């Protein structure tokens, strides 16, 4: 990623001081994460199929993955599936912005389990949570 952009985002948005709960509830990260997750998914499917594919990940898939990764418990009890999907998107893009996860790693994880997108995103979210805990 462009180092100037990363530095600007970290400085201006205070990314370095966010807790996991803050990340999951960040509407700004979720907005950027939406585009990033769809980009990663599209690249992974394109690699898997051997031709260009543009795809959108449904909130249901991300919400299910968030639950299976054990992260749903970090959100308020009455959080709807769309907001749960947003939380997954926020965490994924945060990991990329913070160099916890590379674009290539994200694509590889999704491509390996492309037939089962819930499992693919569960694996990705689990890896991110482990790396955050180790950081």
N, C-alpha and C. Protein backbone atom coordinates (compact mmCIF):
# COMPACT_ATOMS: atom_id res chain seq x y z
N UNK A 1 0.84 -1.19 0.00
CA UNK A 1 0.00 0.00 0.00
C UNK A 1 0.88 1.24 0.00
N UNK A 2 0.37 2.31 -0.52
CA UNK A 2 1.08 3.57 -0.52
C UNK A 2 1.35 4.01 0.91
N UNK A 3 2.64 4.14 1.27
CA UNK A 3 3.01 4.48 2.64
C UNK A 3 2.46 5.82 3.08
N UNK A 4 2.39 6.79 2.17
CA UNK A 4 1.85 8.10 2.54
C UNK A 4 0.38 8.00 2.90
N UNK A 5 -0.38 7.23 2.14
CA UNK A 5 -1.80 7.06 2.44
C UNK A 5 -1.98 6.35 3.77
N UNK A 6 -1.24 5.29 4.00
CA UNK A 6 -1.32 4.56 5.27
C UNK A 6 -0.99 5.47 6.43
N UNK A 7 0.08 6.21 6.32
CA UNK A 7 0.50 7.13 7.39
C UNK A 7 -0.58 8.17 7.64
N UNK A 8 -1.16 8.70 6.56
CA UNK A 8 -2.22 9.71 6.68
C UNK A 8 -3.45 9.12 7.39
N UNK A 9 -3.87 7.93 6.98
CA UNK A 9 -5.05 7.31 7.61
C UNK A 9 -4.81 7.02 9.08
N UNK A 10 -3.64 6.54 9.42
CA UNK A 10 -3.34 6.24 10.82
C UNK A 10 -3.31 7.51 11.66
N UNK A 11 -2.69 8.55 11.13
CA UNK A 11 -2.56 9.81 11.87
C UNK A 11 -3.90 10.51 12.01
N UNK A 12 -4.61 10.66 10.92
CA UNK A 12 -5.86 11.42 10.92
C UNK A 12 -6.99 10.70 11.63
N UNK A 13 -7.02 9.40 11.56
CA UNK A 13 -8.16 8.68 12.11
C UNK A 13 -7.88 8.05 13.47
N UNK A 14 -6.66 8.11 13.95
CA UNK A 14 -6.33 7.52 15.23
C UNK A 14 -6.42 6.00 15.23
N UNK A 15 -6.13 5.37 14.10
CA UNK A 15 -6.26 3.92 14.00
C UNK A 15 -5.41 3.18 15.03
N UNK A 16 -4.27 3.74 15.38
CA UNK A 16 -3.37 3.04 16.29
C UNK A 16 -3.94 2.88 17.69
N UNK A 17 -4.91 3.72 18.07
CA UNK A 17 -5.42 3.69 19.44
C UNK A 17 -6.77 2.98 19.57
N UNK A 18 -7.24 2.33 18.52
CA UNK A 18 -8.54 1.68 18.56
C UNK A 18 -8.48 0.32 19.25
N UNK A 19 -9.52 0.02 20.03
CA UNK A 19 -9.67 -1.32 20.60
C UNK A 19 -10.39 -2.19 19.57
N UNK A 20 -10.42 -3.49 19.80
CA UNK A 20 -11.12 -4.38 18.89
C UNK A 20 -12.60 -4.01 18.81
N UNK A 21 -13.20 -3.67 19.93
CA UNK A 21 -14.60 -3.27 19.94
C UNK A 21 -14.82 -1.99 19.13
N UNK A 22 -13.88 -1.03 19.24
CA UNK A 22 -13.96 0.21 18.45
C UNK A 22 -13.90 -0.10 16.95
N UNK A 23 -13.01 -0.99 16.59
CA UNK A 23 -12.84 -1.37 15.17
C UNK A 23 -14.12 -1.97 14.64
N UNK A 24 -14.68 -2.92 15.38
CA UNK A 24 -15.89 -3.61 14.93
C UNK A 24 -17.08 -2.68 14.77
N UNK A 25 -17.12 -1.60 15.53
CA UNK A 25 -18.26 -0.68 15.49
C UNK A 25 -18.00 0.56 14.63
N UNK A 26 -16.85 0.65 13.99
CA UNK A 26 -16.49 1.83 13.20
C UNK A 26 -17.22 1.85 11.85
N UNK A 27 -18.09 2.82 11.69
CA UNK A 27 -18.81 2.97 10.42
C UNK A 27 -17.87 3.40 9.30
N UNK A 28 -16.86 4.20 9.62
CA UNK A 28 -15.92 4.65 8.59
C UNK A 28 -15.07 3.49 8.09
N UNK A 29 -14.58 2.67 9.00
CA UNK A 29 -13.82 1.49 8.58
C UNK A 29 -14.72 0.53 7.81
N UNK A 30 -15.96 0.39 8.23
CA UNK A 30 -16.90 -0.50 7.53
C UNK A 30 -17.14 -0.03 6.11
N UNK A 31 -17.23 1.27 5.92
CA UNK A 31 -17.45 1.82 4.58
C UNK A 31 -16.29 1.49 3.65
N UNK A 32 -15.07 1.72 4.12
CA UNK A 32 -13.90 1.37 3.32
C UNK A 32 -13.79 -0.15 3.20
N UNK A 33 -14.11 -0.85 4.28
CA UNK A 33 -14.03 -2.30 4.29
C UNK A 33 -14.97 -2.95 3.28
N UNK A 34 -16.12 -2.35 3.05
CA UNK A 34 -17.06 -2.88 2.07
C UNK A 34 -16.40 -2.98 0.70
N UNK A 35 -15.77 -1.91 0.27
CA UNK A 35 -15.09 -1.91 -1.03
C UNK A 35 -13.91 -2.88 -1.03
N UNK A 36 -13.15 -2.89 0.07
CA UNK A 36 -11.97 -3.75 0.15
C UNK A 36 -12.36 -5.23 0.12
N UNK A 37 -13.35 -5.62 0.90
CA UNK A 37 -13.77 -7.02 0.96
C UNK A 37 -14.29 -7.48 -0.40
N UNK A 38 -15.08 -6.65 -1.06
CA UNK A 38 -15.58 -7.02 -2.39
C UNK A 38 -14.44 -7.14 -3.39
N UNK A 39 -13.44 -6.28 -3.27
CA UNK A 39 -12.26 -6.33 -4.13
C UNK A 39 -11.50 -7.64 -3.90
N UNK A 40 -11.23 -7.96 -2.65
CA UNK A 40 -10.52 -9.20 -2.30
C UNK A 40 -11.29 -10.41 -2.82
N UNK A 41 -12.58 -10.43 -2.59
CA UNK A 41 -13.41 -11.55 -3.02
C UNK A 41 -13.41 -11.68 -4.54
N UNK A 42 -13.50 -10.56 -5.23
CA UNK A 42 -13.49 -10.58 -6.70
C UNK A 42 -12.16 -11.09 -7.25
N UNK A 43 -11.06 -10.66 -6.65
CA UNK A 43 -9.74 -11.15 -7.09
C UNK A 43 -9.63 -12.65 -6.83
N UNK A 44 -10.06 -13.09 -5.65
CA UNK A 44 -9.97 -14.51 -5.30
C UNK A 44 -10.79 -15.36 -6.27
N UNK A 45 -12.00 -14.92 -6.58
CA UNK A 45 -12.82 -15.68 -7.53
C UNK A 45 -12.23 -15.64 -8.93
N UNK A 46 -11.67 -14.51 -9.32
CA UNK A 46 -11.03 -14.39 -10.63
C UNK A 46 -9.86 -15.36 -10.74
N UNK A 47 -9.06 -15.44 -9.69
CA UNK A 47 -7.93 -16.37 -9.66
C UNK A 47 -8.43 -17.82 -9.75
N UNK A 48 -9.44 -18.12 -8.97
CA UNK A 48 -9.99 -19.48 -8.91
C UNK A 48 -10.58 -19.91 -10.26
N UNK A 49 -11.30 -18.99 -10.89
CA UNK A 49 -12.00 -19.32 -12.14
C UNK A 49 -11.16 -19.08 -13.39
N UNK A 50 -10.07 -18.35 -13.25
CA UNK A 50 -9.20 -18.08 -14.39
C UNK A 50 -9.76 -17.03 -15.35
N UNK A 51 -10.70 -16.24 -14.88
CA UNK A 51 -11.25 -15.15 -15.69
C UNK A 51 -11.74 -14.04 -14.77
N UNK A 52 -11.81 -12.81 -15.28
CA UNK A 52 -12.23 -11.69 -14.43
C UNK A 52 -13.65 -11.86 -13.91
N UNK A 53 -13.81 -11.62 -12.61
CA UNK A 53 -15.11 -11.72 -11.96
C UNK A 53 -15.26 -10.52 -11.02
N UNK A 54 -16.40 -9.89 -11.07
CA UNK A 54 -16.73 -8.85 -10.10
C UNK A 54 -17.82 -9.39 -9.20
N UNK A 55 -17.57 -9.43 -7.91
CA UNK A 55 -18.53 -10.04 -7.00
C UNK A 55 -18.71 -9.19 -5.76
N UNK A 56 -19.89 -9.30 -5.17
CA UNK A 56 -20.19 -8.61 -3.92
C UNK A 56 -20.46 -9.67 -2.86
N UNK A 57 -19.89 -9.47 -1.68
CA UNK A 57 -20.10 -10.38 -0.57
C UNK A 57 -21.34 -9.93 0.19
N UNK A 58 -22.28 -10.83 0.37
CA UNK A 58 -23.51 -10.51 1.10
C UNK A 58 -23.25 -10.37 2.59
N UNK A 59 -23.98 -9.47 3.22
CA UNK A 59 -23.87 -9.27 4.67
C UNK A 59 -24.12 -10.56 5.43
N UNK A 60 -25.02 -11.39 4.94
CA UNK A 60 -25.34 -12.67 5.58
C UNK A 60 -24.09 -13.54 5.71
N UNK A 61 -23.29 -13.59 4.64
CA UNK A 61 -22.06 -14.39 4.65
C UNK A 61 -21.10 -13.86 5.70
N UNK A 62 -20.91 -12.54 5.71
CA UNK A 62 -19.98 -11.93 6.66
C UNK A 62 -20.49 -12.06 8.10
N UNK A 63 -21.80 -11.91 8.30
CA UNK A 63 -22.37 -12.05 9.64
C UNK A 63 -22.18 -13.48 10.16
N UNK A 64 -22.42 -14.45 9.29
CA UNK A 64 -22.22 -15.85 9.68
C UNK A 64 -20.76 -16.13 10.00
N UNK A 65 -19.86 -15.57 9.21
CA UNK A 65 -18.43 -15.75 9.45
C UNK A 65 -18.00 -15.10 10.76
N UNK A 66 -18.54 -13.93 11.04
CA UNK A 66 -18.23 -13.22 12.29
C UNK A 66 -18.66 -14.08 13.49
N UNK A 67 -19.84 -14.67 13.39
CA UNK A 67 -20.35 -15.53 14.46
C UNK A 67 -19.47 -16.77 14.62
N UNK A 68 -19.14 -17.43 13.50
CA UNK A 68 -18.33 -18.65 13.56
C UNK A 68 -16.91 -18.37 14.07
N UNK A 69 -16.43 -17.16 13.83
CA UNK A 69 -15.09 -16.78 14.31
C UNK A 69 -15.11 -16.38 15.79
N UNK A 70 -16.30 -16.35 16.38
CA UNK A 70 -16.41 -16.02 17.80
C UNK A 70 -16.38 -14.53 18.09
N UNK A 71 -16.55 -13.71 17.08
CA UNK A 71 -16.47 -12.26 17.26
C UNK A 71 -17.84 -11.60 17.45
N UNK A 72 -18.90 -12.31 17.18
CA UNK A 72 -20.25 -11.75 17.33
C UNK A 72 -20.49 -11.28 18.76
N UNK A 73 -19.93 -11.98 19.72
CA UNK A 73 -20.10 -11.65 21.14
C UNK A 73 -19.57 -10.27 21.50
N UNK A 74 -18.73 -9.71 20.64
CA UNK A 74 -18.14 -8.39 20.92
C UNK A 74 -19.09 -7.25 20.54
N UNK A 75 -20.19 -7.57 19.88
CA UNK A 75 -21.15 -6.56 19.43
C UNK A 75 -22.36 -6.53 20.37
N UNK A 76 -23.07 -5.41 20.40
CA UNK A 76 -24.28 -5.34 21.22
C UNK A 76 -25.27 -6.45 20.83
N UNK A 77 -26.07 -6.89 21.79
CA UNK A 77 -26.92 -8.07 21.60
C UNK A 77 -27.95 -7.93 20.47
N UNK A 78 -28.46 -6.78 20.23
CA UNK A 78 -29.50 -6.62 19.20
C UNK A 78 -28.95 -6.09 17.87
N UNK A 79 -27.70 -6.39 17.60
CA UNK A 79 -27.07 -5.94 16.36
C UNK A 79 -27.59 -6.78 15.19
N UNK A 80 -28.10 -6.10 14.15
CA UNK A 80 -28.66 -6.83 13.00
C UNK A 80 -27.55 -7.40 12.11
N UNK A 81 -27.94 -8.26 11.18
CA UNK A 81 -26.97 -8.94 10.31
C UNK A 81 -26.17 -7.96 9.45
N UNK A 82 -26.82 -6.91 8.99
CA UNK A 82 -26.12 -5.93 8.17
C UNK A 82 -24.98 -5.28 8.97
N UNK A 83 -25.26 -4.90 10.19
CA UNK A 83 -24.25 -4.29 11.05
C UNK A 83 -23.16 -5.30 11.41
N UNK A 84 -23.54 -6.56 11.57
CA UNK A 84 -22.54 -7.60 11.81
C UNK A 84 -21.61 -7.74 10.61
N UNK A 85 -22.19 -7.69 9.41
CA UNK A 85 -21.38 -7.72 8.19
C UNK A 85 -20.45 -6.52 8.12
N UNK A 86 -20.97 -5.36 8.49
CA UNK A 86 -20.14 -4.15 8.53
C UNK A 86 -18.96 -4.33 9.48
N UNK A 87 -19.21 -4.97 10.62
CA UNK A 87 -18.15 -5.20 11.61
C UNK A 87 -17.04 -6.07 11.02
N UNK A 88 -17.43 -7.10 10.29
CA UNK A 88 -16.43 -7.97 9.65
C UNK A 88 -15.62 -7.18 8.63
N UNK A 89 -16.30 -6.36 7.83
CA UNK A 89 -15.61 -5.53 6.83
C UNK A 89 -14.65 -4.56 7.50
N UNK A 90 -15.08 -3.96 8.60
CA UNK A 90 -14.22 -3.01 9.32
C UNK A 90 -12.96 -3.70 9.83
N UNK A 91 -13.11 -4.88 10.39
CA UNK A 91 -11.95 -5.60 10.93
C UNK A 91 -10.98 -6.02 9.83
N UNK A 92 -11.52 -6.48 8.72
CA UNK A 92 -10.66 -6.92 7.62
C UNK A 92 -9.85 -5.75 7.05
N UNK A 93 -10.51 -4.63 6.80
CA UNK A 93 -9.76 -3.50 6.23
C UNK A 93 -8.80 -2.90 7.26
N UNK A 94 -9.18 -2.91 8.53
CA UNK A 94 -8.27 -2.43 9.58
C UNK A 94 -6.99 -3.26 9.57
N UNK A 95 -7.14 -4.58 9.49
CA UNK A 95 -5.97 -5.47 9.47
C UNK A 95 -5.07 -5.15 8.29
N UNK A 96 -5.66 -4.84 7.16
CA UNK A 96 -4.86 -4.49 5.98
C UNK A 96 -4.19 -3.13 6.18
N UNK A 97 -4.91 -2.16 6.67
CA UNK A 97 -4.34 -0.82 6.88
C UNK A 97 -3.19 -0.85 7.89
N UNK A 98 -3.29 -1.72 8.87
CA UNK A 98 -2.28 -1.81 9.93
C UNK A 98 -1.16 -2.81 9.59
N UNK A 99 -1.15 -3.31 8.36
CA UNK A 99 -0.13 -4.27 7.92
C UNK A 99 -0.14 -5.55 8.75
N UNK A 100 -1.30 -5.92 9.24
CA UNK A 100 -1.48 -7.17 9.97
C UNK A 100 -1.77 -8.28 8.96
N UNK A 101 -2.29 -7.89 7.82
CA UNK A 101 -2.68 -8.79 6.76
C UNK A 101 -2.38 -8.13 5.43
N UNK A 102 -1.78 -8.86 4.51
CA UNK A 102 -1.54 -8.30 3.18
C UNK A 102 -2.71 -8.62 2.26
N UNK A 103 -2.80 -7.87 1.19
CA UNK A 103 -3.82 -8.14 0.17
C UNK A 103 -3.65 -9.57 -0.36
N UNK A 104 -2.42 -9.96 -0.63
CA UNK A 104 -2.14 -11.31 -1.15
C UNK A 104 -2.59 -12.40 -0.19
N UNK A 105 -2.34 -12.20 1.10
CA UNK A 105 -2.76 -13.18 2.10
C UNK A 105 -4.28 -13.30 2.13
N UNK A 106 -4.96 -12.17 2.11
CA UNK A 106 -6.43 -12.18 2.14
C UNK A 106 -6.99 -12.90 0.92
N UNK A 107 -6.44 -12.60 -0.25
CA UNK A 107 -6.90 -13.24 -1.48
C UNK A 107 -6.65 -14.75 -1.40
N UNK A 108 -5.50 -15.14 -0.93
CA UNK A 108 -5.15 -16.56 -0.86
C UNK A 108 -6.11 -17.32 0.06
N UNK A 109 -6.41 -16.76 1.22
CA UNK A 109 -7.33 -17.43 2.16
C UNK A 109 -8.70 -17.60 1.52
N UNK A 110 -9.20 -16.56 0.89
CA UNK A 110 -10.53 -16.61 0.27
C UNK A 110 -10.53 -17.56 -0.93
N UNK A 111 -9.49 -17.51 -1.73
CA UNK A 111 -9.41 -18.38 -2.91
C UNK A 111 -9.40 -19.86 -2.52
N UNK A 112 -8.68 -20.21 -1.45
CA UNK A 112 -8.57 -21.60 -1.03
C UNK A 112 -9.92 -22.21 -0.65
N UNK A 113 -10.82 -21.38 -0.16
CA UNK A 113 -12.12 -21.88 0.28
C UNK A 113 -13.26 -21.16 -0.45
N UNK A 114 -13.03 -20.80 -1.69
CA UNK A 114 -13.99 -20.00 -2.44
C UNK A 114 -15.35 -20.67 -2.59
N UNK A 115 -15.38 -22.00 -2.57
CA UNK A 115 -16.66 -22.71 -2.71
C UNK A 115 -17.53 -22.54 -1.48
N UNK A 116 -16.91 -22.22 -0.35
CA UNK A 116 -17.64 -22.03 0.91
C UNK A 116 -17.25 -20.68 1.49
N UNK A 117 -17.86 -19.59 1.01
CA UNK A 117 -17.45 -18.25 1.43
C UNK A 117 -17.56 -18.00 2.93
N UNK A 118 -18.52 -18.59 3.61
CA UNK A 118 -18.62 -18.39 5.07
C UNK A 118 -17.36 -18.95 5.73
N UNK A 119 -16.95 -20.14 5.32
CA UNK A 119 -15.74 -20.75 5.88
C UNK A 119 -14.50 -19.92 5.53
N UNK A 120 -14.45 -19.41 4.31
CA UNK A 120 -13.30 -18.60 3.88
C UNK A 120 -13.17 -17.36 4.76
N UNK A 121 -14.27 -16.66 4.95
CA UNK A 121 -14.21 -15.43 5.75
C UNK A 121 -14.06 -15.73 7.24
N UNK A 122 -14.56 -16.87 7.69
CA UNK A 122 -14.33 -17.28 9.08
C UNK A 122 -12.83 -17.47 9.31
N UNK A 123 -12.18 -18.16 8.39
CA UNK A 123 -10.73 -18.38 8.49
C UNK A 123 -9.99 -17.05 8.49
N UNK A 124 -10.38 -16.15 7.60
CA UNK A 124 -9.72 -14.84 7.51
C UNK A 124 -9.89 -14.06 8.82
N UNK A 125 -11.10 -13.99 9.33
CA UNK A 125 -11.36 -13.25 10.57
C UNK A 125 -10.63 -13.87 11.76
N UNK A 126 -10.57 -15.19 11.81
CA UNK A 126 -9.86 -15.88 12.88
C UNK A 126 -8.37 -15.57 12.84
N UNK A 127 -7.79 -15.58 11.65
CA UNK A 127 -6.37 -15.24 11.50
C UNK A 127 -6.10 -13.81 11.95
N UNK A 128 -6.97 -12.90 11.56
CA UNK A 128 -6.80 -11.50 11.94
C UNK A 128 -6.87 -11.35 13.46
N UNK A 129 -7.86 -11.97 14.08
CA UNK A 129 -7.99 -11.86 15.54
C UNK A 129 -6.74 -12.41 16.24
N UNK A 130 -6.21 -13.53 15.78
CA UNK A 130 -4.99 -14.09 16.38
C UNK A 130 -3.81 -13.15 16.22
N UNK A 131 -3.68 -12.56 15.04
CA UNK A 131 -2.56 -11.65 14.80
C UNK A 131 -2.69 -10.38 15.63
N UNK A 132 -3.90 -9.90 15.80
CA UNK A 132 -4.12 -8.72 16.65
C UNK A 132 -3.74 -9.02 18.09
N UNK A 133 -4.11 -10.19 18.57
CA UNK A 133 -3.81 -10.57 19.94
C UNK A 133 -2.30 -10.72 20.16
N UNK A 134 -1.59 -11.14 19.12
CA UNK A 134 -0.15 -11.33 19.22
C UNK A 134 0.63 -10.03 19.08
N UNK A 135 -0.03 -9.01 18.52
CA UNK A 135 0.67 -7.72 18.26
C UNK A 135 0.84 -6.90 19.53
